[in-house]
C-alpha atoms as a PDB file:
ATOM      1  CA  UNK A   1      87.086 146.757 144.143  1.00  0.00           C
ATOM      2  CA  UNK A   2      86.201 145.133 141.016  1.00  0.00           C
ATOM      3  CA  UNK A   3      84.878 146.982 137.879  1.00  0.00           C
ATOM      4  CA  UNK A   4      83.358 146.304 134.290  1.00  0.00           C
ATOM      5  CA  UNK A   5      82.828 148.926 131.766  1.00  0.00           C
ATOM      6  CA  UNK A   6      79.552 148.112 130.255  1.00  0.00           C
ATOM      7  CA  UNK A   7      80.412 149.941 127.240  1.00  0.00           C
ATOM      8  CA  UNK A   8      82.895 152.718 126.183  1.00  0.00           C
ATOM      9  CA  UNK A   9      82.335 156.322 128.057  1.00  0.00           C
ATOM     10  CA  UNK A  10      80.562 158.761 125.674  1.00  0.00           C
ATOM     11  CA  UNK A  11      82.572 162.009 124.764  1.00  0.00           C
ATOM     12  CA  UNK A  12      81.410 163.538 127.664  1.00  0.00           C
ATOM     13  CA  UNK A  13      82.529 160.628 129.892  1.00  0.00           C
ATOM     14  CA  UNK A  14      78.643 159.554 130.373  1.00  0.00           C
ATOM     15  CA  UNK A  15      78.441 155.777 131.030  1.00  0.00           C
ATOM     16  CA  UNK A  16      77.973 152.591 133.427  1.00  0.00           C
ATOM     17  CA  UNK A  17      80.558 151.180 135.460  1.00  0.00           C
ATOM     18  CA  UNK A  18      79.486 147.607 137.466  1.00  0.00           C
ATOM     19  CA  UNK A  19      81.312 147.465 140.786  1.00  0.00           C
ATOM     20  CA  UNK A  20      81.456 145.137 143.315  1.00  0.00           C
ATOM     21  CA  UNK A  21      83.230 146.405 146.563  1.00  0.00           C
ATOM     22  CA  UNK A  22      85.492 143.675 148.279  1.00  0.00           C
ATOM     23  CA  UNK A  23      86.722 146.066 151.079  1.00  0.00           C
ATOM     24  CA  UNK A  24      85.693 148.658 153.168  1.00  0.00           C
ATOM     25  CA  UNK A  25      88.035 151.344 151.781  1.00  0.00           C
ATOM     26  CA  UNK A  26      86.182 149.804 148.447  1.00  0.00           C
ATOM     27  CA  UNK A  27      82.698 151.368 150.030  1.00  0.00           C
ATOM     28  CA  UNK A  28      84.647 154.506 151.445  1.00  0.00           C
ATOM     29  CA  UNK A  29      85.595 155.270 147.435  1.00  0.00           C
ATOM     30  CA  UNK A  30      81.784 154.580 146.582  1.00  0.00           C
ATOM     31  CA  UNK A  31      80.707 157.043 149.098  1.00  0.00           C
ATOM     32  CA  UNK A  32      82.367 159.486 147.035  1.00  0.00           C
ATOM     33  CA  UNK A  33      81.936 157.952 143.604  1.00  0.00           C
ATOM     34  CA  UNK A  34      78.512 158.491 143.754  1.00  0.00           C
ATOM     35  CA  UNK A  35      76.773 161.885 143.883  1.00  0.00           C
ATOM     36  CA  UNK A  36      73.370 163.146 144.255  1.00  0.00           C
ATOM     37  CA  UNK A  37      71.447 162.646 140.926  1.00  0.00           C
ATOM     38  CA  UNK A  38      73.527 159.871 139.948  1.00  0.00           C
ATOM     39  CA  UNK A  39      71.569 156.679 139.221  1.00  0.00           C
ATOM     40  CA  UNK A  40      72.415 153.282 140.937  1.00  0.00           C
ATOM     41  CA  UNK A  41      71.430 150.019 139.915  1.00  0.00           C
ATOM     42  CA  UNK A  42      71.125 146.839 142.165  1.00  0.00           C
ATOM     43  CA  UNK A  43      69.503 144.018 143.019  1.00  0.00           C
ATOM     44  CA  UNK A  44      67.281 144.206 146.002  1.00  0.00           C
ATOM     45  CA  UNK A  45      64.628 142.360 148.134  1.00  0.00           C
ATOM     46  CA  UNK A  46      61.011 144.120 147.523  1.00  0.00           C
ATOM     47  CA  UNK A  47      57.496 143.112 149.024  1.00  0.00           C
ATOM     48  CA  UNK A  48      55.794 141.537 146.244  1.00  0.00           C
ATOM     49  CA  UNK A  49      52.245 140.464 146.218  1.00  0.00           C
ATOM     50  CA  UNK A  50      50.700 137.311 145.741  1.00  0.00           C
ATOM     51  CA  UNK A  51      48.934 136.064 142.796  1.00  0.00           C
ATOM     52  CA  UNK A  52      45.657 136.323 144.552  1.00  0.00           C
ATOM     53  CA  UNK A  53      44.095 137.670 148.112  1.00  0.00           C
ATOM     54  CA  UNK A  54      45.925 140.640 148.320  1.00  0.00           C
ATOM     55  CA  UNK A  55      44.504 141.301 151.730  1.00  0.00           C
ATOM     56  CA  UNK A  56      46.183 138.213 153.041  1.00  0.00           C
ATOM     57  CA  UNK A  57      49.275 139.414 155.135  1.00  0.00           C
ATOM     58  CA  UNK A  58      50.971 135.567 154.112  1.00  0.00           C
ATOM     59  CA  UNK A  59      50.537 135.857 150.281  1.00  0.00           C
ATOM     60  CA  UNK A  60      52.611 139.074 150.886  1.00  0.00           C
ATOM     61  CA  UNK A  61      56.804 137.944 150.321  1.00  0.00           C
ATOM     62  CA  UNK A  62      59.870 139.488 149.663  1.00  0.00           C
ATOM     63  CA  UNK A  63      61.581 138.860 146.209  1.00  0.00           C
ATOM     64  CA  UNK A  64      65.134 139.843 144.163  1.00  0.00           C
ATOM     65  CA  UNK A  65      64.257 142.644 141.883  1.00  0.00           C
ATOM     66  CA  UNK A  66      66.416 144.923 139.853  1.00  0.00           C
ATOM     67  CA  UNK A  67      65.542 148.191 141.036  1.00  0.00           C
ATOM     68  CA  UNK A  68      67.000 152.097 139.928  1.00  0.00           C
ATOM     69  CA  UNK A  69      67.723 155.036 142.446  1.00  0.00           C
ATOM     70  CA  UNK A  70      68.340 157.983 141.868  1.00  0.00           C
ATOM     71  CA  UNK A  71      70.668 159.099 144.529  1.00  0.00           C
ATOM     72  CA  UNK A  72      69.947 161.901 147.122  1.00  0.00           C
ATOM     73  CA  UNK A  73      72.200 161.013 149.831  1.00  0.00           C
ATOM     74  CA  UNK A  74      75.177 158.719 150.524  1.00  0.00           C
ATOM     75  CA  UNK A  75      76.113 157.983 153.921  1.00  0.00           C
ATOM     76  CA  UNK A  76      79.079 156.180 154.683  1.00  0.00           C
ATOM     77  CA  UNK A  77      78.865 153.915 158.014  1.00  0.00           C
ATOM     78  CA  UNK A  78      82.788 152.096 158.582  1.00  0.00           C
ATOM     79  CA  UNK A  79      81.098 150.916 161.887  1.00  0.00           C
ATOM     80  CA  UNK A  80      78.502 149.309 160.171  1.00  0.00           C
ATOM     81  CA  UNK A  81      80.704 148.074 156.865  1.00  0.00           C
ATOM     82  CA  UNK A  82      78.235 149.606 154.780  1.00  0.00           C
ATOM     83  CA  UNK A  83      77.363 152.113 152.120  1.00  0.00           C
ATOM     84  CA  UNK A  84      73.944 153.536 152.053  1.00  0.00           C
ATOM     85  CA  UNK A  85      72.215 154.970 148.926  1.00  0.00           C
ATOM     86  CA  UNK A  86      68.878 156.697 149.615  1.00  0.00           C
ATOM     87  CA  UNK A  87      66.883 158.129 146.641  1.00  0.00           C
ATOM     88  CA  UNK A  88      63.796 157.820 144.403  1.00  0.00           C
ATOM     89  CA  UNK A  89      63.019 154.695 142.491  1.00  0.00           C
ATOM     90  CA  UNK A  90      63.130 155.404 138.590  1.00  0.00           C
ATOM     91  CA  UNK A  91      63.204 151.750 137.122  1.00  0.00           C
ATOM     92  CA  UNK A  92      61.585 149.017 138.366  1.00  0.00           C
ATOM     93  CA  UNK A  93      58.758 148.548 140.741  1.00  0.00           C
ATOM     94  CA  UNK A  94      57.516 150.894 143.127  1.00  0.00           C
ATOM     95  CA  UNK A  95      58.872 153.862 140.997  1.00  0.00           C
ATOM     96  CA  UNK A  96      58.654 157.379 142.413  1.00  0.00           C
ATOM     97  CA  UNK A  97      58.946 155.857 145.829  1.00  0.00           C
ATOM     98  CA  UNK A  98      62.085 156.387 148.063  1.00  0.00           C
ATOM     99  CA  UNK A  99      64.163 153.462 148.820  1.00  0.00           C
ATOM    100  CA  UNK A 100      67.637 152.930 150.639  1.00  0.00           C
ATOM    101  CA  UNK A 101      70.032 150.867 148.872  1.00  0.00           C
ATOM    102  CA  UNK A 102      71.884 148.872 151.453  1.00  0.00           C
ATOM    103  CA  UNK A 103      75.371 148.676 149.872  1.00  0.00           C
ATOM    104  CA  UNK A 104      77.729 145.738 151.640  1.00  0.00           C
ATOM    105  CA  UNK A 105      81.104 144.143 150.033  1.00  0.00           C
ATOM    106  CA  UNK A 106      80.524 141.258 147.745  1.00  0.00           C
ATOM    107  CA  UNK A 107      77.454 143.436 146.603  1.00  0.00           C
ATOM    108  CA  UNK A 108      77.214 144.306 143.089  1.00  0.00           C
ATOM    109  CA  UNK A 109      75.853 147.771 142.180  1.00  0.00           C
ATOM    110  CA  UNK A 110      76.001 149.379 138.671  1.00  0.00           C
ATOM    111  CA  UNK A 111      76.490 153.338 138.633  1.00  0.00           C
ATOM    112  CA  UNK A 112      75.274 155.826 135.791  1.00  0.00           C
ATOM    113  CA  UNK A 113      76.916 159.248 135.736  1.00  0.00           C
ATOM    114  CA  UNK A 114      79.237 161.726 134.220  1.00  0.00           C
ATOM    115  CA  UNK A 115      82.641 160.396 134.987  1.00  0.00           C
ATOM    116  CA  UNK A 116      85.417 162.829 135.421  1.00  0.00           C
ATOM    117  CA  UNK A 117      88.992 162.467 135.492  1.00  0.00           C
ATOM    118  CA  UNK A 118      89.204 162.264 139.514  1.00  0.00           C
ATOM    119  CA  UNK A 119      86.869 160.184 139.388  1.00  0.00           C
ATOM    120  CA  UNK A 120      88.168 157.321 137.126  1.00  0.00           C
ATOM    121  CA  UNK A 121      91.777 158.449 139.287  1.00  0.00           C
ATOM    122  CA  UNK A 122      89.980 156.718 142.380  1.00  0.00           C
ATOM    123  CA  UNK A 123      88.178 153.838 140.470  1.00  0.00           C
ATOM    124  CA  UNK A 124      91.628 152.995 139.243  1.00  0.00           C
ATOM    125  CA  UNK A 125      93.244 153.351 142.569  1.00  0.00           C
ATOM    126  CA  UNK A 126      90.539 151.439 144.276  1.00  0.00           C
ATOM    127  CA  UNK A 127      90.842 148.451 141.911  1.00  0.00           C
ATOM    128  CA  UNK A 128      95.039 148.660 142.431  1.00  0.00           C
ATOM    129  CA  UNK A 129      94.830 148.521 145.803  1.00  0.00           C
ATOM    130  CA  UNK A 130      92.846 145.155 146.222  1.00  0.00           C
ATOM    131  CA  UNK A 131      96.044 143.306 144.668  1.00  0.00           C
ATOM    132  CA  UNK A 132      97.892 144.125 147.917  1.00  0.00           C
ATOM    133  CA  UNK A 133      97.754 143.582 151.328  1.00  0.00           C
ATOM    134  CA  UNK A 134      96.851 146.048 154.120  1.00  0.00           C
ATOM    135  CA  UNK A 135      99.650 147.727 155.815  1.00  0.00           C
ATOM    136  CA  UNK A 136      99.960 148.242 159.734  1.00  0.00           C
ATOM    137  CA  UNK A 137     101.961 150.612 161.595  1.00  0.00           C
ATOM    138  CA  UNK A 138     102.717 149.807 165.106  1.00  0.00           C
ATOM    139  CA  UNK A 139     103.862 152.880 167.053  1.00  0.00           C
ATOM    140  CA  UNK A 140     106.505 151.766 169.537  1.00  0.00           C
ATOM    141  CA  UNK A 141     107.465 153.450 172.808  1.00  0.00           C
ATOM    142  CA  UNK A 142     108.636 152.804 176.296  1.00  0.00           C
ATOM    143  CA  UNK A 143     105.862 150.998 178.006  1.00  0.00           C
ATOM    144  CA  UNK A 144     103.187 151.595 175.108  1.00  0.00           C
ATOM    145  CA  UNK A 145     102.257 150.608 171.684  1.00  0.00           C
ATOM    146  CA  UNK A 146      99.575 151.676 169.558  1.00  0.00           C
ATOM    147  CA  UNK A 147      98.572 149.557 166.649  1.00  0.00           C
ATOM    148  CA  UNK A 148      97.002 151.142 163.231  1.00  0.00           C
ATOM    149  CA  UNK A 149      95.858 149.170 160.218  1.00  0.00           C
ATOM    150  CA  UNK A 150      96.323 151.513 156.907  1.00  0.00           C
ATOM    151  CA  UNK A 151      93.076 152.347 154.919  1.00  0.00           C
ATOM    152  CA  UNK A 152      92.764 154.439 152.112  1.00  0.00           C
ATOM    153  CA  UNK A 153      91.107 156.869 153.996  1.00  0.00           C
ATOM    154  CA  UNK A 154      93.662 157.263 156.717  1.00  0.00           C
ATOM    155  CA  UNK A 155      95.237 155.190 159.454  1.00  0.00           C
ATOM    156  CA  UNK A 156      92.149 153.077 161.809  1.00  0.00           C
ATOM    157  CA  UNK A 157      93.466 152.610 165.259  1.00  0.00           C
ATOM    158  CA  UNK A 158      93.302 148.792 165.904  1.00  0.00           C
ATOM    159  CA  UNK A 159      94.055 148.584 170.130  1.00  0.00           C
ATOM    160  CA  UNK A 160      96.923 150.242 172.407  1.00  0.00           C
ATOM    161  CA  UNK A 161      98.887 148.311 174.739  1.00  0.00           C
ATOM    162  CA  UNK A 162     100.010 149.712 177.626  1.00  0.00           C
ATOM    163  CA  UNK A 163     102.899 148.265 180.546  1.00  0.00           C
ATOM    164  CA  UNK A 164     103.688 149.419 183.998  1.00  0.00           C
ATOM    165  CA  UNK A 165     101.348 150.916 186.523  1.00  0.00           C
ATOM    166  CA  UNK A 166      97.834 153.004 187.045  1.00  0.00           C
ATOM    167  CA  UNK A 167      94.153 152.171 186.084  1.00  0.00           C
ATOM    168  CA  UNK A 168      95.142 152.217 182.465  1.00  0.00           C
ATOM    169  CA  UNK A 169      98.080 149.596 182.274  1.00  0.00           C
ATOM    170  CA  UNK A 170      97.240 145.708 180.859  1.00  0.00           C
ATOM    171  CA  UNK A 171     100.634 144.423 181.068  1.00  0.00           C
ATOM    172  CA  UNK A 172     103.464 143.989 183.703  1.00  0.00           C
ATOM    173  CA  UNK A 173     106.424 144.106 181.891  1.00  0.00           C
ATOM    174  CA  UNK A 174     108.110 144.894 178.273  1.00  0.00           C
ATOM    175  CA  UNK A 175     107.901 140.975 176.976  1.00  0.00           C
ATOM    176  CA  UNK A 176     104.481 141.262 177.831  1.00  0.00           C
ATOM    177  CA  UNK A 177     103.810 144.152 175.918  1.00  0.00           C
ATOM    178  CA  UNK A 178     105.848 142.881 172.583  1.00  0.00           C
ATOM    179  CA  UNK A 179     103.997 139.601 173.059  1.00  0.00           C
ATOM    180  CA  UNK A 180     100.787 140.947 172.738  1.00  0.00           C
ATOM    181  CA  UNK A 181     101.602 143.316 169.740  1.00  0.00           C
ATOM    182  CA  UNK A 182     103.066 139.997 167.975  1.00  0.00           C
ATOM    183  CA  UNK A 183      99.983 137.986 168.587  1.00  0.00           C
ATOM    184  CA  UNK A 184      97.945 140.895 167.077  1.00  0.00           C
ATOM    185  CA  UNK A 185     100.030 141.400 164.226  1.00  0.00           C
ATOM    186  CA  UNK A 186     101.247 137.463 163.227  1.00  0.00           C
ATOM    187  CA  UNK A 187      97.979 136.491 161.438  1.00  0.00           C
ATOM    188  CA  UNK A 188      98.004 139.346 158.781  1.00  0.00           C
ATOM    189  CA  UNK A 189     100.144 138.956 155.809  1.00  0.00           C
ATOM    190  CA  UNK A 190     100.586 142.384 154.785  1.00  0.00           C
ATOM    191  CA  UNK A 191     104.050 144.465 155.521  1.00  0.00           C
ATOM    192  CA  UNK A 192     104.255 146.211 159.139  1.00  0.00           C
ATOM    193  CA  UNK A 193     105.887 149.797 159.567  1.00  0.00           C
ATOM    194  CA  UNK A 194     107.604 149.917 163.234  1.00  0.00           C
ATOM    195  CA  UNK A 195     107.326 153.595 164.123  1.00  0.00           C
ATOM    196  CA  UNK A 196     108.789 155.923 166.790  1.00  0.00           C
ATOM    197  CA  UNK A 197     111.661 157.187 168.547  1.00  0.00           C
ATOM    198  CA  UNK A 198     114.547 155.681 170.255  1.00  0.00           C
ATOM    199  CA  UNK A 199     115.664 152.183 170.505  1.00  0.00           C
ATOM    200  CA  UNK A 200     112.472 150.686 171.878  1.00  0.00           C
ATOM    201  CA  UNK A 201     111.136 150.304 168.449  1.00  0.00           C
ATOM    202  CA  UNK A 202     114.093 148.231 167.468  1.00  0.00           C
ATOM    203  CA  UNK A 203     113.963 145.962 170.438  1.00  0.00           C
ATOM    204  CA  UNK A 204     110.270 145.418 169.518  1.00  0.00           C
ATOM    205  CA  UNK A 205     111.381 144.239 165.864  1.00  0.00           C
ATOM    206  CA  UNK A 206     114.036 142.130 167.684  1.00  0.00           C
ATOM    207  CA  UNK A 207     112.040 140.441 169.803  1.00  0.00           C
ATOM    208  CA  UNK A 208     109.540 139.591 166.748  1.00  0.00           C
ATOM    209  CA  UNK A 209     112.618 138.454 164.600  1.00  0.00           C
ATOM    210  CA  UNK A 210     113.046 136.090 167.813  1.00  0.00           C
ATOM    211  CA  UNK A 211     109.861 134.779 167.872  1.00  0.00           C
ATOM    212  CA  UNK A 212     108.082 135.001 164.671  1.00  0.00           C
ATOM    213  CA  UNK A 213     110.761 135.074 161.705  1.00  0.00           C
ATOM    214  CA  UNK A 214     108.084 135.042 159.024  1.00  0.00           C
ATOM    215  CA  UNK A 215     106.209 138.276 160.618  1.00  0.00           C
ATOM    216  CA  UNK A 216     109.470 139.613 160.986  1.00  0.00           C
ATOM    217  CA  UNK A 217     110.517 139.383 157.383  1.00  0.00           C
ATOM    218  CA  UNK A 218     107.323 141.565 156.977  1.00  0.00           C
ATOM    219  CA  UNK A 219     108.928 144.402 159.361  1.00  0.00           C
ATOM    220  CA  UNK A 220     110.556 148.074 158.670  1.00  0.00           C
ATOM    221  CA  UNK A 221     111.881 150.269 161.275  1.00  0.00           C
ATOM    222  CA  UNK A 222     111.388 153.982 160.313  1.00  0.00           C
ATOM    223  CA  UNK A 223     112.782 156.485 162.757  1.00  0.00           C
ATOM    224  CA  UNK A 224     110.512 159.340 163.801  1.00  0.00           C
ATOM    225  CA  UNK A 225     110.579 162.503 165.984  1.00  0.00           C
ATOM    226  CA  UNK A 226     106.955 162.224 167.320  1.00  0.00           C
ATOM    227  CA  UNK A 227     105.036 158.986 169.168  1.00  0.00           C
ATOM    228  CA  UNK A 228     101.738 157.732 168.783  1.00  0.00           C
ATOM    229  CA  UNK A 229      99.824 158.924 166.386  1.00  0.00           C
ATOM    230  CA  UNK A 230     102.361 161.304 165.338  1.00  0.00           C
ATOM    231  CA  UNK A 231     104.385 158.851 164.879  1.00  0.00           C
ATOM    232  CA  UNK A 232     102.034 157.004 162.292  1.00  0.00           C
ATOM    233  CA  UNK A 233     101.659 160.304 160.317  1.00  0.00           C
ATOM    234  CA  UNK A 234     105.563 161.157 160.516  1.00  0.00           C
ATOM    235  CA  UNK A 235     106.213 157.141 158.992  1.00  0.00           C
ATOM    236  CA  UNK A 236     103.501 157.827 156.037  1.00  0.00           C
ATOM    237  CA  UNK A 237     104.839 161.271 155.200  1.00  0.00           C
ATOM    238  CA  UNK A 238     108.599 160.623 155.127  1.00  0.00           C
ATOM    239  CA  UNK A 239     108.666 157.763 153.028  1.00  0.00           C
ATOM    240  CA  UNK A 240     108.163 154.515 155.277  1.00  0.00           C
ATOM    241  CA  UNK A 241     104.596 153.475 154.061  1.00  0.00           C
ATOM    242  CA  UNK A 242     106.017 154.093 150.521  1.00  0.00           C
ATOM    243  CA  UNK A 243     108.910 151.514 151.154  1.00  0.00           C
ATOM    244  CA  UNK A 244     105.907 148.868 151.638  1.00  0.00           C
ATOM    245  CA  UNK A 245     103.163 149.469 149.802  1.00  0.00           C
ATOM    246  CA  UNK A 246     102.201 150.445 146.214  1.00  0.00           C
ATOM    247  CA  UNK A 247      99.278 152.809 147.077  1.00  0.00           C
ATOM    248  CA  UNK A 248     101.160 155.925 148.075  1.00  0.00           C
ATOM    249  CA  UNK A 249      98.181 158.211 148.155  1.00  0.00           C
ATOM    250  CA  UNK A 250      98.252 159.053 151.984  1.00  0.00           C
ATOM    251  CA  UNK A 251     102.204 159.849 151.503  1.00  0.00           C
ATOM    252  CA  UNK A 252     101.516 162.052 148.537  1.00  0.00           C
ATOM    253  CA  UNK A 253      98.585 164.017 150.897  1.00  0.00           C
ATOM    254  CA  UNK A 254     101.096 164.325 153.653  1.00  0.00           C
ATOM    255  CA  UNK A 255     103.450 165.855 151.743  1.00  0.00           C
ATOM    256  CA  UNK A 256     101.495 167.906 149.576  1.00  0.00           C
ATOM    257  CA  UNK A 257      99.980 169.617 152.969  1.00  0.00           C
ATOM    258  CA  UNK A 258     103.584 170.316 154.599  1.00  0.00           C
ATOM    259  CA  UNK A 259     104.544 172.030 151.488  1.00  0.00           C
ATOM    260  CA  UNK A 260     101.848 174.394 151.515  1.00  0.00           C
ATOM    261  CA  UNK A 261     101.880 175.363 155.013  1.00  0.00           C
ATOM    262  CA  UNK A 262     105.547 175.398 154.264  1.00  0.00           C
ATOM    263  CA  UNK A 263     104.604 177.915 151.170  1.00  0.00           C
ATOM    264  CA  UNK A 264     101.930 179.763 153.608  1.00  0.00           C
ATOM    265  CA  UNK A 265     104.681 180.409 156.361  1.00  0.00           C
ATOM    266  CA  UNK A 266     107.167 181.653 153.546  1.00  0.00           C
ATOM    267  CA  UNK A 267     104.688 183.763 151.640  1.00  0.00           C
ATOM    268  CA  UNK A 268     105.676 181.915 148.631  1.00  0.00           C
ATOM    269  CA  UNK A 269     103.993 180.307 145.467  1.00  0.00           C
ATOM    270  CA  UNK A 270     100.681 179.183 147.399  1.00  0.00           C
ATOM    271  CA  UNK A 271      97.008 179.626 146.853  1.00  0.00           C
ATOM    272  CA  UNK A 272      94.214 178.775 149.311  1.00  0.00           C
ATOM    273  CA  UNK A 273      90.629 179.179 149.314  1.00  0.00           C
ATOM    274  CA  UNK A 274      88.101 179.454 146.429  1.00  0.00           C
ATOM    275  CA  UNK A 275      88.407 182.956 145.307  1.00  0.00           C
ATOM    276  CA  UNK A 276      92.922 182.895 145.405  1.00  0.00           C
ATOM    277  CA  UNK A 277      92.744 179.369 143.719  1.00  0.00           C
ATOM    278  CA  UNK A 278      90.096 180.746 141.083  1.00  0.00           C
ATOM    279  CA  UNK A 279      92.450 183.567 140.471  1.00  0.00           C
ATOM    280  CA  UNK A 280      95.428 181.110 140.380  1.00  0.00           C
ATOM    281  CA  UNK A 281      93.626 179.284 137.709  1.00  0.00           C
ATOM    282  CA  UNK A 282      92.832 181.761 135.887  1.00  0.00           C
ATOM    283  CA  UNK A 283      96.268 183.220 135.675  1.00  0.00           C
ATOM    284  CA  UNK A 284      97.704 179.619 134.337  1.00  0.00           C
ATOM    285  CA  UNK A 285      99.744 179.354 137.702  1.00  0.00           C
ATOM    286  CA  UNK A 286      98.399 176.829 138.924  1.00  0.00           C
ATOM    287  CA  UNK A 287     100.369 173.329 139.046  1.00  0.00           C
ATOM    288  CA  UNK A 288      98.730 171.533 141.378  1.00  0.00           C
ATOM    289  CA  UNK A 289      95.267 171.731 142.989  1.00  0.00           C
ATOM    290  CA  UNK A 290      94.362 170.335 146.502  1.00  0.00           C
ATOM    291  CA  UNK A 291      90.794 170.019 146.889  1.00  0.00           C
ATOM    292  CA  UNK A 292      88.847 168.033 150.247  1.00  0.00           C
ATOM    293  CA  UNK A 293      86.897 165.011 149.096  1.00  0.00           C
ATOM    294  CA  UNK A 294      83.710 166.257 150.921  1.00  0.00           C
ATOM    295  CA  UNK A 295      84.129 169.729 148.907  1.00  0.00           C
ATOM    296  CA  UNK A 296      85.165 167.112 145.278  1.00  0.00           C
ATOM    297  CA  UNK A 297      82.007 164.868 146.546  1.00  0.00           C
ATOM    298  CA  UNK A 298      79.517 168.202 146.701  1.00  0.00           C
ATOM    299  CA  UNK A 299      80.578 169.528 143.451  1.00  0.00           C
ATOM    300  CA  UNK A 300      81.593 173.009 144.674  1.00  0.00           C
ATOM    301  CA  UNK A 301      84.757 173.774 143.225  1.00  0.00           C
ATOM    302  CA  UNK A 302      83.877 171.481 139.913  1.00  0.00           C
ATOM    303  CA  UNK A 303      84.784 174.662 137.759  1.00  0.00           C
ATOM    304  CA  UNK A 304      87.998 175.537 139.602  1.00  0.00           C
ATOM    305  CA  UNK A 305      89.337 171.911 139.507  1.00  0.00           C
ATOM    306  CA  UNK A 306      88.269 171.355 135.486  1.00  0.00           C
ATOM    307  CA  UNK A 307      89.721 174.384 134.609  1.00  0.00           C
ATOM    308  CA  UNK A 308      92.949 173.953 136.150  1.00  0.00           C
ATOM    309  CA  UNK A 309      93.252 170.070 134.652  1.00  0.00           C
ATOM    310  CA  UNK A 310      92.521 171.540 131.008  1.00  0.00           C
ATOM    311  CA  UNK A 311      95.889 173.986 132.049  1.00  0.00           C
ATOM    312  CA  UNK A 312      97.692 170.769 132.746  1.00  0.00           C
ATOM    313  CA  UNK A 313      97.448 170.924 136.313  1.00  0.00           C
ATOM    314  CA  UNK A 314      97.489 168.167 138.716  1.00  0.00           C
ATOM    315  CA  UNK A 315      94.578 167.248 141.112  1.00  0.00           C
ATOM    316  CA  UNK A 316      95.032 165.581 144.778  1.00  0.00           C
ATOM    317  CA  UNK A 317      92.057 165.072 146.084  1.00  0.00           C
ATOM    318  CA  UNK A 318      92.660 164.673 150.103  1.00  0.00           C
ATOM    319  CA  UNK A 319      90.733 162.525 152.516  1.00  0.00           C
ATOM    320  CA  UNK A 320      89.176 164.607 155.373  1.00  0.00           C
ATOM    321  CA  UNK A 321      88.968 161.342 157.603  1.00  0.00           C
ATOM    322  CA  UNK A 322      93.098 162.075 157.564  1.00  0.00           C
ATOM    323  CA  UNK A 323      94.748 164.942 159.319  1.00  0.00           C
ATOM    324  CA  UNK A 324      95.972 166.508 155.935  1.00  0.00           C
ATOM    325  CA  UNK A 325      92.831 166.369 154.585  1.00  0.00           C
ATOM    326  CA  UNK A 326      91.068 167.932 158.135  1.00  0.00           C
ATOM    327  CA  UNK A 327      93.534 170.800 157.947  1.00  0.00           C
ATOM    328  CA  UNK A 328      93.082 171.371 154.140  1.00  0.00           C
ATOM    329  CA  UNK A 329      89.286 171.959 155.491  1.00  0.00           C
ATOM    330  CA  UNK A 330      90.313 174.153 157.968  1.00  0.00           C
ATOM    331  CA  UNK A 331      91.980 176.795 154.988  1.00  0.00           C
ATOM    332  CA  UNK A 332      88.738 176.323 152.898  1.00  0.00           C
ATOM    333  CA  UNK A 333      88.844 172.511 151.435  1.00  0.00           C
ATOM    334  CA  UNK A 334      90.827 173.886 148.598  1.00  0.00           C
ATOM    335  CA  UNK A 335      94.439 175.175 147.841  1.00  0.00           C
ATOM    336  CA  UNK A 336      97.040 175.100 145.091  1.00  0.00           C
ATOM    337  CA  UNK A 337     100.636 175.077 144.192  1.00  0.00           C
ATOM    338  CA  UNK A 338     101.749 177.328 141.933  1.00  0.00           C
ATOM    339  CA  UNK A 339     104.375 177.135 138.686  1.00  0.00           C
ATOM    340  CA  UNK A 340     105.073 181.098 140.266  1.00  0.00           C
ATOM    341  CA  UNK A 341     104.250 183.885 142.545  1.00  0.00           C
ATOM    342  CA  UNK A 342     101.005 185.741 141.955  1.00  0.00           C
ATOM    343  CA  UNK A 343     101.504 189.566 143.382  1.00  0.00           C
END
């Protein structure tokens, strides 16, 4: 993502950023940065009357005009590679009418709002991520390889390759399986984590290094207890992703939620749910606040998060597109790791 701050933010954080999304990840970030009530400006095509004879359809044409929309609804559509911002026009032609901005990669918009610290952290993360190549994880087991692209909101499955007999089998030998996976991975330039239990993953790495030394140089083998999607999550959580990528947010999410449930099981220094987390912040006991991105966007826990930040607590916003964020949603959408247990 590319950003430009139009002028220094005011003391309350209010100001305008121009942003250009470079990737699907950036559009996802914007879906959580733009909140209902925020102003979004963009150049869009609008039907403009001709200079005369407005009744003649051929005199109507679409021209690029700059409009401002007060956001009411924001929808992220990864399948369509698009972000939709729906709201009322406050600047430009047709003020007062509803309009939808279809934001795609390469499309510049301006966002005017009160920027929270978590918003600026997310913005900086998106900008930083554009400097690094996309990371892939291949979950390898005997007879099957699942390929995932690591988005900033979580793993995105590309395909599953299978070997052997049965209706779902596509390939008739291990070498054919390895060759098919290499064919998919070799065009990319980012790092590749090979995860799974046992020795099959090591055989795959050896095969790749023999067939494509350049691709082999970008590979890192990680031993996991689980296979499939479980191996992907385990590889992220045990530090495999940290060793090949600068953006370690997903690893932090896995580790933090594992710690939350560990402490819950031990009846330890942890709080979850709005009431208990609010209480822990009031006591000054919160060391780290974990909040789901959907709840952060809704503003439901804004006062709790702001009060915790004033006290010096860290704030970690978890993606609900990824398993740890879904688990957090299951216990109320907010939790806190505490400095000490509250009786």
